[in-house]
C-alpha atoms as a PDB file:
ATOM      1  CA  MET A   1     101.835  92.810  90.580  1.00  0.00           C
ATOM      2  CA  PRO A   2     100.027  95.749  91.187  1.00  0.00           C
ATOM      3  CA  LYS A   3     102.176  99.058  91.935  1.00  0.00           C
ATOM      4  CA  THR A   4     100.294  99.661  95.281  1.00  0.00           C
ATOM      5  CA  VAL A   5     101.511  97.911  98.061  1.00  0.00           C
ATOM      6  CA  PRO A   6     101.319  97.764 101.702  1.00  0.00           C
ATOM      7  CA  THR A   7     103.682 100.275 103.322  1.00  0.00           C
ATOM      8  CA  ASP A   8     105.154 100.722 106.950  1.00  0.00           C
ATOM      9  CA  ALA A   9     104.189 104.649 106.761  1.00  0.00           C
ATOM     10  CA  SER A  10     102.314 106.056 109.293  1.00  0.00           C
ATOM     11  CA  VAL A  11      98.598 106.397 108.627  1.00  0.00           C
ATOM     12  CA  ASP A  12      98.366 108.883 111.496  1.00  0.00           C
ATOM     13  CA  ASP A  13     100.949 111.493 109.609  1.00  0.00           C
ATOM     14  CA  PHE A  14      99.202 110.715 106.534  1.00  0.00           C
ATOM     15  CA  LEU A  15      96.170 111.991 107.890  1.00  0.00           C
ATOM     16  CA  ALA A  16      97.193 114.517 109.613  1.00  0.00           C
ATOM     17  CA  SER A  17      99.145 115.912 106.732  1.00  0.00           C
ATOM     18  CA  LEU A  18      95.239 116.694 105.243  1.00  0.00           C
ATOM     19  CA  PRO A  19      93.004 119.947 105.176  1.00  0.00           C
ATOM     20  CA  ALA A  20      90.930 119.975 107.957  1.00  0.00           C
ATOM     21  CA  PRO A  21      87.215 118.825 106.398  1.00  0.00           C
ATOM     22  CA  ARG A  22      89.496 116.347 104.236  1.00  0.00           C
ATOM     23  CA  ARG A  23      91.263 115.200 107.885  1.00  0.00           C
ATOM     24  CA  ARG A  24      87.807 114.538 109.612  1.00  0.00           C
ATOM     25  CA  ASP A  25      86.260 112.521 107.110  1.00  0.00           C
ATOM     26  CA  ALA A  26      89.192 110.179 106.547  1.00  0.00           C
ATOM     27  CA  GLN A  27      89.571 109.784 110.004  1.00  0.00           C
ATOM     28  CA  THR A  28      85.850 109.379 110.639  1.00  0.00           C
ATOM     29  CA  VAL A  29      85.913 106.616 107.582  1.00  0.00           C
ATOM     30  CA  ARG A  30      89.127 105.007 109.147  1.00  0.00           C
ATOM     31  CA  ASP A  31      87.271 104.555 112.793  1.00  0.00           C
ATOM     32  CA  LEU A  32      84.296 102.697 110.914  1.00  0.00           C
ATOM     33  CA  MET A  33      86.827 100.483 108.614  1.00  0.00           C
ATOM     34  CA  THR A  34      88.893  99.932 112.126  1.00  0.00           C
ATOM     35  CA  ARG A  35      85.515  98.755 113.585  1.00  0.00           C
ATOM     36  CA  VAL A  36      83.759  96.705 110.889  1.00  0.00           C
ATOM     37  CA  THR A  37      87.413  94.933 110.147  1.00  0.00           C
ATOM     38  CA  GLY A  38      89.102  94.784 113.185  1.00  0.00           C
ATOM     39  CA  ALA A  39      92.295  95.326 111.004  1.00  0.00           C
ATOM     40  CA  PRO A  40      94.663  97.659 111.375  1.00  0.00           C
ATOM     41  CA  ALA A  41      94.766 100.683 108.818  1.00  0.00           C
ATOM     42  CA  VAL A  42      97.659  99.999 106.818  1.00  0.00           C
ATOM     43  CA  LEU A  43      98.950 102.955 104.498  1.00  0.00           C
ATOM     44  CA  TRP A  44      98.558 100.896 100.865  1.00  0.00           C
ATOM     45  CA  GLY A  45     101.313 103.419  98.185  1.00  0.00           C
ATOM     46  CA  THR A  46     101.425 107.183  99.013  1.00  0.00           C
ATOM     47  CA  SER A  47      97.419 107.443  99.796  1.00  0.00           C
ATOM     48  CA  ILE A  48      95.209 104.730 100.374  1.00  0.00           C
ATOM     49  CA  VAL A  49      94.191 103.368 104.286  1.00  0.00           C
ATOM     50  CA  GLY A  50      93.385  99.824 103.321  1.00  0.00           C
ATOM     51  CA  PHE A  51      91.983  97.059 105.909  1.00  0.00           C
ATOM     52  CA  GLY A  52      92.976  93.799 106.061  1.00  0.00           C
ATOM     53  CA  GLU A  53      94.508  91.317 103.289  1.00  0.00           C
ATOM     54  CA  ARG A  54      93.181  88.950 101.026  1.00  0.00           C
ATOM     55  CA  THR A  55      94.686  87.327  97.586  1.00  0.00           C
ATOM     56  CA  LEU A  56      93.003  88.334  94.438  1.00  0.00           C
ATOM     57  CA  THR A  57      93.846  87.009  91.153  1.00  0.00           C
ATOM     58  CA  PRO A  58      92.831  88.295  88.250  1.00  0.00           C
ATOM     59  CA  ALA A  59      92.097  87.040  84.798  1.00  0.00           C
ATOM     60  CA  SER A  60      95.473  87.524  83.938  1.00  0.00           C
ATOM     61  CA  GLY A  61      95.914  84.603  86.565  1.00  0.00           C
ATOM     62  CA  ALA A  62      98.698  86.916  88.984  1.00  0.00           C
ATOM     63  CA  SER A  63      97.312  86.591  92.352  1.00  0.00           C
ATOM     64  CA  TYR A  64      98.456  89.587  94.594  1.00  0.00           C
ATOM     65  CA  PRO A  65      97.626  90.905  98.258  1.00  0.00           C
ATOM     66  CA  TRP A  66      95.141  93.470  98.493  1.00  0.00           C
ATOM     67  CA  MET A  67      93.152  94.767 100.854  1.00  0.00           C
ATOM     68  CA  GLU A  68      89.371  94.130 101.852  1.00  0.00           C
ATOM     69  CA  VAL A  69      88.015  97.446 102.365  1.00  0.00           C
ATOM     70  CA  GLY A  70      90.023 100.752 101.849  1.00  0.00           C
ATOM     71  CA  PHE A  71      89.934 104.900 100.969  1.00  0.00           C
ATOM     72  CA  SER A  72      91.621 107.942  99.927  1.00  0.00           C
ATOM     73  CA  PRO A  73      90.952 110.870 100.838  1.00  0.00           C
ATOM     74  CA  ARG A  74      91.167 113.046  98.018  1.00  0.00           C
ATOM     75  CA  THR A  75      91.122 116.363  96.867  1.00  0.00           C
ATOM     76  CA  ALA A  76      87.720 116.267  95.903  1.00  0.00           C
ATOM     77  CA  ALA A  77      85.606 113.675  97.518  1.00  0.00           C
ATOM     78  CA  THR A  78      86.785 110.203 100.307  1.00  0.00           C
ATOM     79  CA  VAL A  79      86.847 107.492  97.801  1.00  0.00           C
ATOM     80  CA  VAL A  80      85.808 104.199  99.519  1.00  0.00           C
ATOM     81  CA  TYR A  81      87.338 100.852  98.062  1.00  0.00           C
ATOM     82  CA  LEU A  82      84.944  97.859  98.230  1.00  0.00           C
ATOM     83  CA  ILE A  83      85.910  94.533  96.830  1.00  0.00           C
ATOM     84  CA  ASP A  84      82.921  93.751  95.375  1.00  0.00           C
ATOM     85  CA  GLY A  85      81.247  96.330  93.832  1.00  0.00           C
ATOM     86  CA  PHE A  86      77.936  97.863  93.638  1.00  0.00           C
ATOM     87  CA  GLU A  87      75.849  96.256  91.749  1.00  0.00           C
ATOM     88  CA  GLN A  88      73.948  94.067  94.162  1.00  0.00           C
ATOM     89  CA  ARG A  89      73.976  96.812  97.211  1.00  0.00           C
ATOM     90  CA  ALA A  90      71.401  99.076  95.191  1.00  0.00           C
ATOM     91  CA  ASP A  91      68.829  99.241  98.409  1.00  0.00           C
ATOM     92  CA  LEU A  92      71.693 100.662 100.331  1.00  0.00           C
ATOM     93  CA  LEU A  93      73.230 103.048  97.902  1.00  0.00           C
ATOM     94  CA  GLY A  94      69.584 104.643  97.830  1.00  0.00           C
ATOM     95  CA  ARG A  95      69.659 104.939 101.090  1.00  0.00           C
ATOM     96  CA  LEU A  96      73.324 106.226 101.764  1.00  0.00           C
ATOM     97  CA  GLY A  97      72.845 110.145 100.832  1.00  0.00           C
ATOM     98  CA  PRO A  98      74.843 112.063  98.697  1.00  0.00           C
ATOM     99  CA  HIS A  99      77.458 110.302  96.455  1.00  0.00           C
ATOM    100  CA  THR A 100      78.954 108.551  92.683  1.00  0.00           C
ATOM    101  CA  VAL A 101      79.668 105.073  92.263  1.00  0.00           C
ATOM    102  CA  GLY A 102      82.664 103.850  89.410  1.00  0.00           C
ATOM    103  CA  ARG A 103      83.190  99.666  89.639  1.00  0.00           C
ATOM    104  CA  SER A 104      84.221  99.062  93.073  1.00  0.00           C
ATOM    105  CA  CYS A 105      84.604 102.685  94.048  1.00  0.00           C
ATOM    106  CA  LEU A 106      82.161 104.880  96.066  1.00  0.00           C
ATOM    107  CA  ASN A 107      83.195 108.745  95.488  1.00  0.00           C
ATOM    108  CA  LEU A 108      81.861 110.653  98.877  1.00  0.00           C
ATOM    109  CA  LYS A 109      82.113 114.744  98.537  1.00  0.00           C
ATOM    110  CA  ARG A 110      81.453 115.137 102.227  1.00  0.00           C
ATOM    111  CA  VAL A 111      81.122 111.896 104.763  1.00  0.00           C
ATOM    112  CA  ASP A 112      78.990 114.341 107.039  1.00  0.00           C
ATOM    113  CA  ASP A 113      76.191 114.601 104.121  1.00  0.00           C
ATOM    114  CA  VAL A 114      75.308 110.854 104.424  1.00  0.00           C
ATOM    115  CA  ASP A 115      73.937 107.965 106.756  1.00  0.00           C
ATOM    116  CA  LEU A 116      77.264 106.949 108.528  1.00  0.00           C
ATOM    117  CA  ALA A 117      74.962 103.587 109.402  1.00  0.00           C
ATOM    118  CA  VAL A 118      74.160 102.953 106.244  1.00  0.00           C
ATOM    119  CA  LEU A 119      78.308 103.341 104.859  1.00  0.00           C
ATOM    120  CA  GLU A 120      78.711 101.013 107.738  1.00  0.00           C
ATOM    121  CA  GLU A 121      76.566  98.520 106.341  1.00  0.00           C
ATOM    122  CA  LEU A 122      78.414  99.003 102.972  1.00  0.00           C
ATOM    123  CA  VAL A 123      81.537  97.920 104.140  1.00  0.00           C
ATOM    124  CA  SER A 124      80.480  95.328 106.715  1.00  0.00           C
ATOM    125  CA  ALA A 125      78.256  93.418 103.624  1.00  0.00           C
ATOM    126  CA  SER A 126      81.580  93.919 101.355  1.00  0.00           C
ATOM    127  CA  VAL A 127      83.805  92.582 104.445  1.00  0.00           C
ATOM    128  CA  ARG A 128      81.760  89.756 104.671  1.00  0.00           C
ATOM    129  CA  ASP A 129      81.554  88.657 101.127  1.00  0.00           C
ATOM    130  CA  ALA A 130      85.465  88.847 100.856  1.00  0.00           C
ATOM    131  CA  ARG A 131      85.965  86.437 103.737  1.00  0.00           C
ATOM    132  CA  ASP A 132      83.340  84.359 102.902  1.00  0.00           C
ATOM    133  CA  GLY A 133      84.492  84.118  99.138  1.00  0.00           C
END
């Protein structure tokens, strides 16, 4: 079972506690993910804002709940979590703007520097795959 689980903590209070530039980026991403998923924002752990829920079953075989998509407003970047990774989304990433990627993390130094329509396409594709999967 992962340590990061949904909480009853206020997402609005969490976002309000952020410094201004990071808060603005987080509010933009929250609005985009709310629109795409149709799900409310939920604070997972102390610093991840997640949307929707699905069951993950890793190779160990132990199933647990996880968000469909989410983000975390870190000090250096806003980290966007997409469940299915990015290998199959090279075309969209090429049009996104400045970013770096990890296995299932998209790091955006400044949300204002990326194409929000492309970010919405990335989030929408990941949600669609999670729901069809």
